[in-house]
């Protein structure tokens, strides 16, 4: 399967999927992207690349459904400085910042899962270790994992 999904945009705003030979919706394009596909959209008549326009349209449609995407002060800055300063920021830094965030988030989530797993193993190991130490035997004799009240009774 080719990594890039080629779509043609017709003047009636319809999108044509060249793989499936069928018209598709913006939602279909969004789902393809979420599944890891890259898309390229060309104007059917002129051959002009309109990918950025279609992707922006998808983002705007999603933000319309949720009634927000970006904070209002940031939107004001984008409108105020437009092409000049912000286009450079978006081109050079924003993509890398998001990639770094996703990478860090993935590592943090992975580390948290490891800690949870270690914590579950540690509680079992602690009981086993303490049971082998003579000083703790009087506290653990007769204590069953299924009845936590026996711990209180031994005190």
N, C-alpha and C. Protein backbone atom coordinates (compact mmCIF):
# COMPACT_ATOMS: atom_id res chain seq x y z
N UNK A 1 0.86 -1.19 0.00
CA UNK A 1 0.00 0.00 0.00
C UNK A 1 0.89 1.24 0.00
N UNK A 2 0.58 2.15 -0.87
CA UNK A 2 1.33 3.40 -0.96
C UNK A 2 1.06 4.24 0.29
N UNK A 3 2.10 4.86 0.81
CA UNK A 3 1.97 5.69 2.01
C UNK A 3 1.08 6.90 1.78
N UNK A 4 1.10 7.43 0.58
CA UNK A 4 0.38 8.67 0.30
C UNK A 4 -0.94 8.37 -0.42
N UNK A 5 -2.01 8.88 0.18
CA UNK A 5 -3.33 8.74 -0.41
C UNK A 5 -3.57 9.96 -1.29
N UNK A 6 -3.72 9.75 -2.58
CA UNK A 6 -3.92 10.85 -3.52
C UNK A 6 -5.41 11.11 -3.69
N UNK A 7 -5.78 12.36 -3.45
CA UNK A 7 -7.17 12.79 -3.61
C UNK A 7 -7.23 13.90 -4.66
N UNK A 8 -8.31 13.94 -5.37
CA UNK A 8 -8.55 15.02 -6.32
C UNK A 8 -9.72 15.85 -5.79
N UNK A 9 -9.54 17.16 -5.83
CA UNK A 9 -10.59 18.07 -5.38
C UNK A 9 -11.23 18.69 -6.62
N UNK A 10 -12.53 18.51 -6.70
CA UNK A 10 -13.26 19.06 -7.83
C UNK A 10 -13.87 20.41 -7.47
N UNK A 11 -14.28 21.16 -8.47
CA UNK A 11 -14.79 22.52 -8.25
C UNK A 11 -16.06 22.53 -7.40
N UNK A 12 -16.78 21.43 -7.35
CA UNK A 12 -17.98 21.36 -6.52
C UNK A 12 -17.62 20.99 -5.07
N UNK A 13 -16.35 21.07 -4.73
CA UNK A 13 -15.78 20.83 -3.39
C UNK A 13 -15.76 19.35 -3.01
N UNK A 14 -16.07 18.49 -3.92
CA UNK A 14 -16.04 17.05 -3.63
C UNK A 14 -14.61 16.54 -3.77
N UNK A 15 -14.30 15.56 -2.93
CA UNK A 15 -12.99 14.93 -2.94
C UNK A 15 -13.10 13.52 -3.52
N UNK A 16 -12.18 13.18 -4.41
CA UNK A 16 -12.21 11.88 -5.07
C UNK A 16 -10.98 11.09 -4.65
N UNK A 17 -11.20 9.92 -4.05
CA UNK A 17 -10.13 9.03 -3.62
C UNK A 17 -9.70 8.20 -4.83
N UNK A 18 -8.45 8.39 -5.28
CA UNK A 18 -7.99 7.69 -6.48
C UNK A 18 -7.71 6.22 -6.23
N UNK A 19 -7.52 5.81 -4.97
CA UNK A 19 -7.33 4.39 -4.65
C UNK A 19 -8.63 3.63 -4.73
N UNK A 20 -9.67 4.19 -4.13
CA UNK A 20 -10.97 3.52 -4.06
C UNK A 20 -11.86 3.85 -5.25
N UNK A 21 -11.44 4.81 -6.04
CA UNK A 21 -12.26 5.29 -7.16
C UNK A 21 -13.66 5.66 -6.70
N UNK A 22 -13.67 6.50 -5.65
CA UNK A 22 -14.96 6.92 -5.09
C UNK A 22 -14.80 8.29 -4.45
N UNK A 23 -15.93 8.99 -4.37
CA UNK A 23 -15.92 10.27 -3.67
C UNK A 23 -15.91 10.00 -2.16
N UNK A 24 -15.18 10.86 -1.42
CA UNK A 24 -15.06 10.69 0.03
C UNK A 24 -15.33 12.01 0.73
N UNK A 25 -15.55 11.92 2.01
CA UNK A 25 -15.82 13.10 2.82
C UNK A 25 -14.54 13.53 3.55
N UNK A 26 -14.61 14.70 4.15
CA UNK A 26 -13.49 15.16 4.97
C UNK A 26 -13.27 14.21 6.14
N UNK A 27 -14.35 13.65 6.66
CA UNK A 27 -14.25 12.70 7.77
C UNK A 27 -13.45 11.47 7.35
N UNK A 28 -13.67 10.99 6.14
CA UNK A 28 -12.91 9.85 5.62
C UNK A 28 -11.42 10.19 5.55
N UNK A 29 -11.11 11.39 5.10
CA UNK A 29 -9.72 11.83 5.01
C UNK A 29 -9.10 11.90 6.41
N UNK A 30 -9.85 12.46 7.36
CA UNK A 30 -9.36 12.57 8.73
C UNK A 30 -9.07 11.18 9.31
N UNK A 31 -9.96 10.22 9.07
CA UNK A 31 -9.75 8.86 9.58
C UNK A 31 -8.51 8.22 8.95
N UNK A 32 -8.30 8.46 7.69
CA UNK A 32 -7.11 7.92 7.02
C UNK A 32 -5.84 8.48 7.64
N UNK A 33 -5.85 9.77 7.94
CA UNK A 33 -4.69 10.42 8.55
C UNK A 33 -4.47 9.87 9.95
N UNK A 34 -5.54 9.67 10.70
CA UNK A 34 -5.42 9.13 12.06
C UNK A 34 -4.90 7.70 12.05
N UNK A 35 -5.08 7.01 10.96
CA UNK A 35 -4.56 5.66 10.82
C UNK A 35 -3.12 5.65 10.33
N UNK A 36 -2.55 6.86 10.18
CA UNK A 36 -1.14 6.97 9.81
C UNK A 36 -0.87 7.26 8.35
N UNK A 37 -1.89 7.43 7.57
CA UNK A 37 -1.70 7.72 6.14
C UNK A 37 -1.36 9.19 5.94
N UNK A 38 -0.61 9.47 4.94
CA UNK A 38 -0.37 10.83 4.46
C UNK A 38 -1.30 11.05 3.28
N UNK A 39 -1.76 12.27 3.13
CA UNK A 39 -2.63 12.56 1.99
C UNK A 39 -2.02 13.68 1.16
N UNK A 40 -2.31 13.63 -0.10
CA UNK A 40 -1.97 14.71 -1.03
C UNK A 40 -3.25 15.01 -1.80
N UNK A 41 -3.59 16.29 -1.86
CA UNK A 41 -4.81 16.69 -2.55
C UNK A 41 -4.44 17.65 -3.66
N UNK A 42 -4.89 17.32 -4.85
CA UNK A 42 -4.62 18.20 -6.00
C UNK A 42 -5.95 18.65 -6.60
N UNK A 43 -5.95 19.86 -7.08
CA UNK A 43 -7.12 20.39 -7.76
C UNK A 43 -7.26 19.63 -9.08
N UNK A 44 -8.42 19.07 -9.33
CA UNK A 44 -8.63 18.22 -10.51
C UNK A 44 -8.45 18.99 -11.82
N UNK A 45 -8.79 20.27 -11.81
CA UNK A 45 -8.72 21.04 -13.05
C UNK A 45 -7.32 21.60 -13.30
N UNK A 46 -6.74 22.25 -12.28
CA UNK A 46 -5.46 22.93 -12.48
C UNK A 46 -4.25 22.08 -12.10
N UNK A 47 -4.45 21.03 -11.30
CA UNK A 47 -3.34 20.21 -10.84
C UNK A 47 -2.58 20.83 -9.67
N UNK A 48 -3.08 21.97 -9.18
CA UNK A 48 -2.45 22.68 -8.06
C UNK A 48 -2.57 21.86 -6.78
N UNK A 49 -1.51 21.87 -5.97
CA UNK A 49 -1.53 21.18 -4.68
C UNK A 49 -2.36 22.00 -3.70
N UNK A 50 -3.48 21.43 -3.22
CA UNK A 50 -4.35 22.11 -2.28
C UNK A 50 -4.44 21.34 -0.95
N UNK A 51 -3.41 20.56 -0.68
CA UNK A 51 -3.38 19.72 0.53
C UNK A 51 -3.53 20.57 1.79
N UNK A 52 -2.73 21.64 1.89
CA UNK A 52 -2.77 22.48 3.09
C UNK A 52 -4.17 23.05 3.32
N UNK A 53 -4.83 23.45 2.25
CA UNK A 53 -6.18 24.00 2.37
C UNK A 53 -7.15 22.96 2.91
N UNK A 54 -7.09 21.74 2.39
CA UNK A 54 -8.01 20.67 2.81
C UNK A 54 -7.71 20.26 4.25
N UNK A 55 -6.45 20.14 4.62
CA UNK A 55 -6.11 19.76 5.99
C UNK A 55 -6.54 20.85 6.98
N UNK A 56 -6.37 22.10 6.58
CA UNK A 56 -6.83 23.21 7.42
C UNK A 56 -8.35 23.16 7.56
N UNK A 57 -9.03 22.83 6.49
CA UNK A 57 -10.49 22.72 6.52
C UNK A 57 -10.93 21.61 7.50
N UNK A 58 -10.20 20.49 7.51
CA UNK A 58 -10.51 19.40 8.43
C UNK A 58 -10.34 19.87 9.87
N UNK A 59 -9.25 20.57 10.14
CA UNK A 59 -8.99 21.08 11.50
C UNK A 59 -10.08 22.06 11.91
N UNK A 60 -10.46 22.94 11.01
CA UNK A 60 -11.50 23.92 11.32
C UNK A 60 -12.85 23.26 11.57
N UNK A 61 -13.17 22.23 10.80
CA UNK A 61 -14.43 21.51 11.01
C UNK A 61 -14.44 20.83 12.37
N UNK A 62 -13.33 20.24 12.76
CA UNK A 62 -13.23 19.59 14.07
C UNK A 62 -13.35 20.62 15.18
N UNK A 63 -12.70 21.76 15.01
CA UNK A 63 -12.76 22.79 16.06
C UNK A 63 -14.16 23.39 16.14
N UNK A 64 -14.87 23.46 15.02
CA UNK A 64 -16.24 23.96 15.02
C UNK A 64 -17.14 23.04 15.84
N UNK A 65 -16.92 21.74 15.72
CA UNK A 65 -17.71 20.77 16.48
C UNK A 65 -17.48 20.92 17.98
N UNK A 66 -16.25 21.22 18.35
CA UNK A 66 -15.91 21.33 19.77
C UNK A 66 -15.93 22.76 20.27
N UNK A 67 -16.16 23.70 19.38
CA UNK A 67 -16.23 25.13 19.67
C UNK A 67 -14.92 25.73 20.15
N UNK A 68 -13.82 25.06 19.92
CA UNK A 68 -12.51 25.67 20.19
C UNK A 68 -11.41 24.78 19.66
N UNK A 69 -10.34 25.38 19.28
CA UNK A 69 -9.15 24.65 18.88
C UNK A 69 -7.95 25.32 19.49
N UNK A 70 -7.87 26.60 19.25
CA UNK A 70 -6.76 27.39 19.78
C UNK A 70 -7.31 28.48 20.69
N UNK A 71 -6.52 28.87 21.68
CA UNK A 71 -6.98 29.96 22.55
C UNK A 71 -7.18 31.26 21.76
N UNK A 72 -8.15 32.04 22.17
CA UNK A 72 -8.50 33.28 21.47
C UNK A 72 -7.29 34.22 21.35
N UNK A 73 -6.48 34.43 22.41
CA UNK A 73 -5.32 35.33 22.25
C UNK A 73 -4.35 34.85 21.16
N UNK A 74 -4.18 33.54 21.03
CA UNK A 74 -3.30 33.02 19.98
C UNK A 74 -3.91 33.27 18.60
N UNK A 75 -5.20 33.11 18.48
CA UNK A 75 -5.86 33.40 17.20
C UNK A 75 -5.70 34.87 16.82
N UNK A 76 -5.78 35.76 17.82
CA UNK A 76 -5.55 37.18 17.54
C UNK A 76 -4.14 37.41 17.02
N UNK A 77 -3.15 36.76 17.63
CA UNK A 77 -1.77 36.91 17.17
C UNK A 77 -1.59 36.39 15.75
N UNK A 78 -2.21 35.26 15.45
CA UNK A 78 -2.10 34.70 14.11
C UNK A 78 -2.66 35.67 13.08
N UNK A 79 -3.80 36.26 13.40
CA UNK A 79 -4.40 37.22 12.46
C UNK A 79 -3.56 38.49 12.39
N UNK A 80 -3.08 38.96 13.53
CA UNK A 80 -2.32 40.20 13.58
C UNK A 80 -1.01 40.11 12.80
N UNK A 81 -0.26 39.02 13.00
CA UNK A 81 1.06 38.92 12.38
C UNK A 81 1.08 38.06 11.13
N UNK A 82 0.04 37.29 10.93
CA UNK A 82 -0.15 36.51 9.71
C UNK A 82 1.09 35.90 9.11
N UNK A 83 1.32 36.22 7.86
CA UNK A 83 2.40 35.65 7.07
C UNK A 83 3.79 35.96 7.62
N UNK A 84 3.96 37.13 8.18
CA UNK A 84 5.29 37.60 8.54
C UNK A 84 6.02 36.69 9.53
N UNK A 85 5.64 36.75 10.77
CA UNK A 85 6.38 36.07 11.82
C UNK A 85 5.89 34.65 12.05
N UNK A 86 4.58 34.48 12.09
CA UNK A 86 4.03 33.18 12.48
C UNK A 86 4.25 32.09 11.45
N UNK A 87 4.31 32.42 10.17
CA UNK A 87 4.52 31.37 9.18
C UNK A 87 5.88 30.72 9.38
N UNK A 88 6.88 31.52 9.72
CA UNK A 88 8.21 30.96 10.02
C UNK A 88 8.15 30.06 11.25
N UNK A 89 7.45 30.51 12.28
CA UNK A 89 7.31 29.72 13.50
C UNK A 89 6.63 28.39 13.19
N UNK A 90 5.52 28.44 12.45
CA UNK A 90 4.80 27.21 12.15
C UNK A 90 5.65 26.27 11.32
N UNK A 91 6.36 26.81 10.33
CA UNK A 91 7.17 25.97 9.46
C UNK A 91 8.36 25.35 10.18
N UNK A 92 9.03 26.12 11.02
CA UNK A 92 10.28 25.65 11.62
C UNK A 92 10.12 24.98 12.98
N UNK A 93 9.22 25.48 13.80
CA UNK A 93 9.23 25.05 15.19
C UNK A 93 8.01 24.26 15.66
N UNK A 94 6.85 24.59 15.20
CA UNK A 94 5.65 23.97 15.74
C UNK A 94 5.61 22.46 15.50
N UNK A 95 5.91 22.03 14.29
CA UNK A 95 5.89 20.60 13.99
C UNK A 95 6.86 19.84 14.88
N UNK A 96 8.08 20.36 15.02
CA UNK A 96 9.07 19.69 15.86
C UNK A 96 8.66 19.71 17.32
N UNK A 97 8.05 20.80 17.78
CA UNK A 97 7.58 20.89 19.17
C UNK A 97 6.52 19.83 19.44
N UNK A 98 5.59 19.66 18.53
CA UNK A 98 4.54 18.65 18.71
C UNK A 98 5.14 17.25 18.68
N UNK A 99 6.07 16.99 17.77
CA UNK A 99 6.72 15.68 17.72
C UNK A 99 7.47 15.40 19.03
N UNK A 100 8.18 16.41 19.54
CA UNK A 100 8.89 16.23 20.81
C UNK A 100 7.93 15.95 21.95
N UNK A 101 6.82 16.68 21.99
CA UNK A 101 5.81 16.47 23.03
C UNK A 101 5.28 15.04 22.98
N UNK A 102 4.92 14.57 21.78
CA UNK A 102 4.37 13.22 21.64
C UNK A 102 5.40 12.16 22.03
N UNK A 103 6.65 12.40 21.68
CA UNK A 103 7.71 11.46 22.06
C UNK A 103 7.89 11.42 23.58
N UNK A 104 7.94 12.59 24.21
CA UNK A 104 8.08 12.67 25.66
C UNK A 104 6.88 12.05 26.36
N UNK A 105 5.68 12.33 25.85
CA UNK A 105 4.46 11.77 26.45
C UNK A 105 4.49 10.25 26.36
N UNK A 106 4.91 9.72 25.24
CA UNK A 106 5.00 8.27 25.07
C UNK A 106 6.00 7.66 26.05
N UNK A 107 7.15 8.31 26.22
CA UNK A 107 8.15 7.80 27.17
C UNK A 107 7.63 7.88 28.60
N UNK A 108 6.97 8.97 28.95
CA UNK A 108 6.44 9.12 30.31
C UNK A 108 5.35 8.08 30.58
N UNK A 109 4.46 7.86 29.62
CA UNK A 109 3.41 6.84 29.78
C UNK A 109 4.03 5.46 29.94
N UNK A 110 5.05 5.16 29.14
CA UNK A 110 5.73 3.88 29.22
C UNK A 110 6.39 3.70 30.59
N UNK A 111 7.05 4.74 31.09
CA UNK A 111 7.71 4.67 32.39
C UNK A 111 6.68 4.47 33.50
N UNK A 112 5.55 5.14 33.42
CA UNK A 112 4.50 5.00 34.42
C UNK A 112 3.98 3.56 34.45
N UNK A 113 3.78 2.95 33.24
CA UNK A 113 3.35 1.56 33.18
C UNK A 113 4.36 0.65 33.84
N UNK A 114 5.63 0.91 33.62
CA UNK A 114 6.69 0.09 34.25
C UNK A 114 6.63 0.23 35.76
N UNK A 115 6.42 1.44 36.27
CA UNK A 115 6.36 1.66 37.71
C UNK A 115 5.16 0.91 38.31
N UNK A 116 4.03 0.96 37.62
CA UNK A 116 2.85 0.23 38.10
C UNK A 116 3.13 -1.26 38.18
N UNK A 117 3.74 -1.79 37.14
CA UNK A 117 4.07 -3.22 37.10
C UNK A 117 5.06 -3.56 38.21
N UNK A 118 6.06 -2.72 38.38
CA UNK A 118 7.06 -2.93 39.42
C UNK A 118 6.40 -2.87 40.80
N UNK A 119 5.49 -1.94 41.01
CA UNK A 119 4.79 -1.83 42.29
C UNK A 119 4.00 -3.07 42.61
N UNK A 120 3.36 -3.66 41.60
CA UNK A 120 2.60 -4.88 41.84
C UNK A 120 3.53 -6.04 42.18
N UNK A 121 4.65 -6.14 41.47
CA UNK A 121 5.64 -7.18 41.78
C UNK A 121 6.26 -6.95 43.14
N UNK A 122 6.50 -5.70 43.49
CA UNK A 122 7.18 -5.34 44.73
C UNK A 122 6.38 -5.75 45.96
N UNK A 123 5.05 -5.60 45.89
CA UNK A 123 4.24 -5.97 47.06
C UNK A 123 4.34 -7.47 47.33
N UNK A 124 4.38 -8.29 46.29
CA UNK A 124 4.53 -9.73 46.47
C UNK A 124 5.92 -10.06 46.99
N UNK A 125 6.93 -9.43 46.42
CA UNK A 125 8.31 -9.68 46.86
C UNK A 125 8.53 -9.24 48.29
N UNK A 126 7.92 -8.14 48.69
CA UNK A 126 8.08 -7.63 50.05
C UNK A 126 7.51 -8.63 51.05
N UNK A 127 6.34 -9.17 50.77
CA UNK A 127 5.74 -10.16 51.67
C UNK A 127 6.64 -11.38 51.79
N UNK A 128 7.18 -11.84 50.66
CA UNK A 128 8.05 -13.01 50.68
C UNK A 128 9.33 -12.73 51.45
N UNK A 129 9.91 -11.57 51.25
CA UNK A 129 11.16 -11.22 51.93
C UNK A 129 10.95 -11.08 53.42
N UNK A 130 9.89 -10.40 53.81
CA UNK A 130 9.63 -10.18 55.23
C UNK A 130 9.31 -11.49 55.94
N UNK A 131 8.69 -12.43 55.25
CA UNK A 131 8.35 -13.71 55.85
C UNK A 131 9.60 -14.52 56.17
N UNK A 132 10.68 -14.29 55.44
CA UNK A 132 11.91 -15.05 55.68
C UNK A 132 12.76 -14.43 56.78
N UNK A 133 12.48 -13.22 57.19
CA UNK A 133 13.25 -12.57 58.25
C UNK A 133 12.65 -12.93 59.61
N UNK A 134 13.44 -13.48 60.51
CA UNK A 134 12.91 -13.92 61.80
C UNK A 134 12.26 -12.79 62.61
N UNK A 135 12.74 -11.59 62.51
CA UNK A 135 12.19 -10.50 63.31
C UNK A 135 10.74 -10.18 62.94
N UNK A 136 10.34 -10.47 61.71
CA UNK A 136 8.99 -10.14 61.26
C UNK A 136 8.02 -11.31 61.36
N UNK A 137 8.51 -12.51 61.65
CA UNK A 137 7.64 -13.69 61.70
C UNK A 137 6.47 -13.53 62.66
N UNK A 138 6.67 -13.00 63.88
CA UNK A 138 5.51 -12.88 64.78
C UNK A 138 4.40 -11.99 64.21
N UNK A 139 4.76 -11.02 63.40
CA UNK A 139 3.75 -10.14 62.83
C UNK A 139 3.01 -10.77 61.66
N UNK A 140 3.67 -11.70 60.98
CA UNK A 140 3.10 -12.28 59.76
C UNK A 140 2.48 -13.65 59.98
N UNK A 141 2.76 -14.32 61.10
CA UNK A 141 2.20 -15.64 61.34
C UNK A 141 0.68 -15.57 61.36
N UNK A 142 0.06 -16.40 60.57
CA UNK A 142 -1.39 -16.46 60.55
C UNK A 142 -2.05 -15.36 59.74
N UNK A 143 -1.29 -14.48 59.10
CA UNK A 143 -1.89 -13.42 58.28
C UNK A 143 -2.15 -13.98 56.89
N UNK A 144 -3.37 -13.83 56.43
CA UNK A 144 -3.76 -14.31 55.10
C UNK A 144 -4.05 -13.11 54.21
N UNK A 145 -3.62 -13.21 52.95
CA UNK A 145 -3.82 -12.10 51.99
C UNK A 145 -5.30 -11.78 51.81
N UNK A 146 -6.15 -12.78 51.93
CA UNK A 146 -7.56 -12.54 51.64
C UNK A 146 -8.30 -11.86 52.79
N UNK A 147 -7.69 -11.82 53.99
CA UNK A 147 -8.38 -11.24 55.14
C UNK A 147 -7.52 -10.16 55.77
N UNK A 148 -7.67 -8.92 55.33
CA UNK A 148 -6.83 -7.82 55.86
C UNK A 148 -7.10 -7.55 57.33
N UNK A 149 -8.22 -7.99 57.87
CA UNK A 149 -8.52 -7.70 59.28
C UNK A 149 -7.61 -8.47 60.21
N UNK A 150 -7.00 -9.56 59.73
CA UNK A 150 -6.11 -10.33 60.60
C UNK A 150 -4.85 -9.57 60.91
N UNK A 151 -4.47 -8.64 60.04
CA UNK A 151 -3.29 -7.80 60.31
C UNK A 151 -3.58 -6.95 61.53
N UNK A 152 -4.77 -6.38 61.60
CA UNK A 152 -5.14 -5.53 62.74
C UNK A 152 -5.21 -6.35 64.01
N UNK A 153 -5.68 -7.58 63.93
CA UNK A 153 -5.82 -8.42 65.12
C UNK A 153 -4.47 -8.82 65.70
N UNK A 154 -3.42 -8.89 64.86
CA UNK A 154 -2.10 -9.30 65.31
C UNK A 154 -1.39 -8.18 66.05
N UNK A 155 -1.82 -6.93 65.84
CA UNK A 155 -1.10 -5.79 66.43
C UNK A 155 -1.30 -5.69 67.90
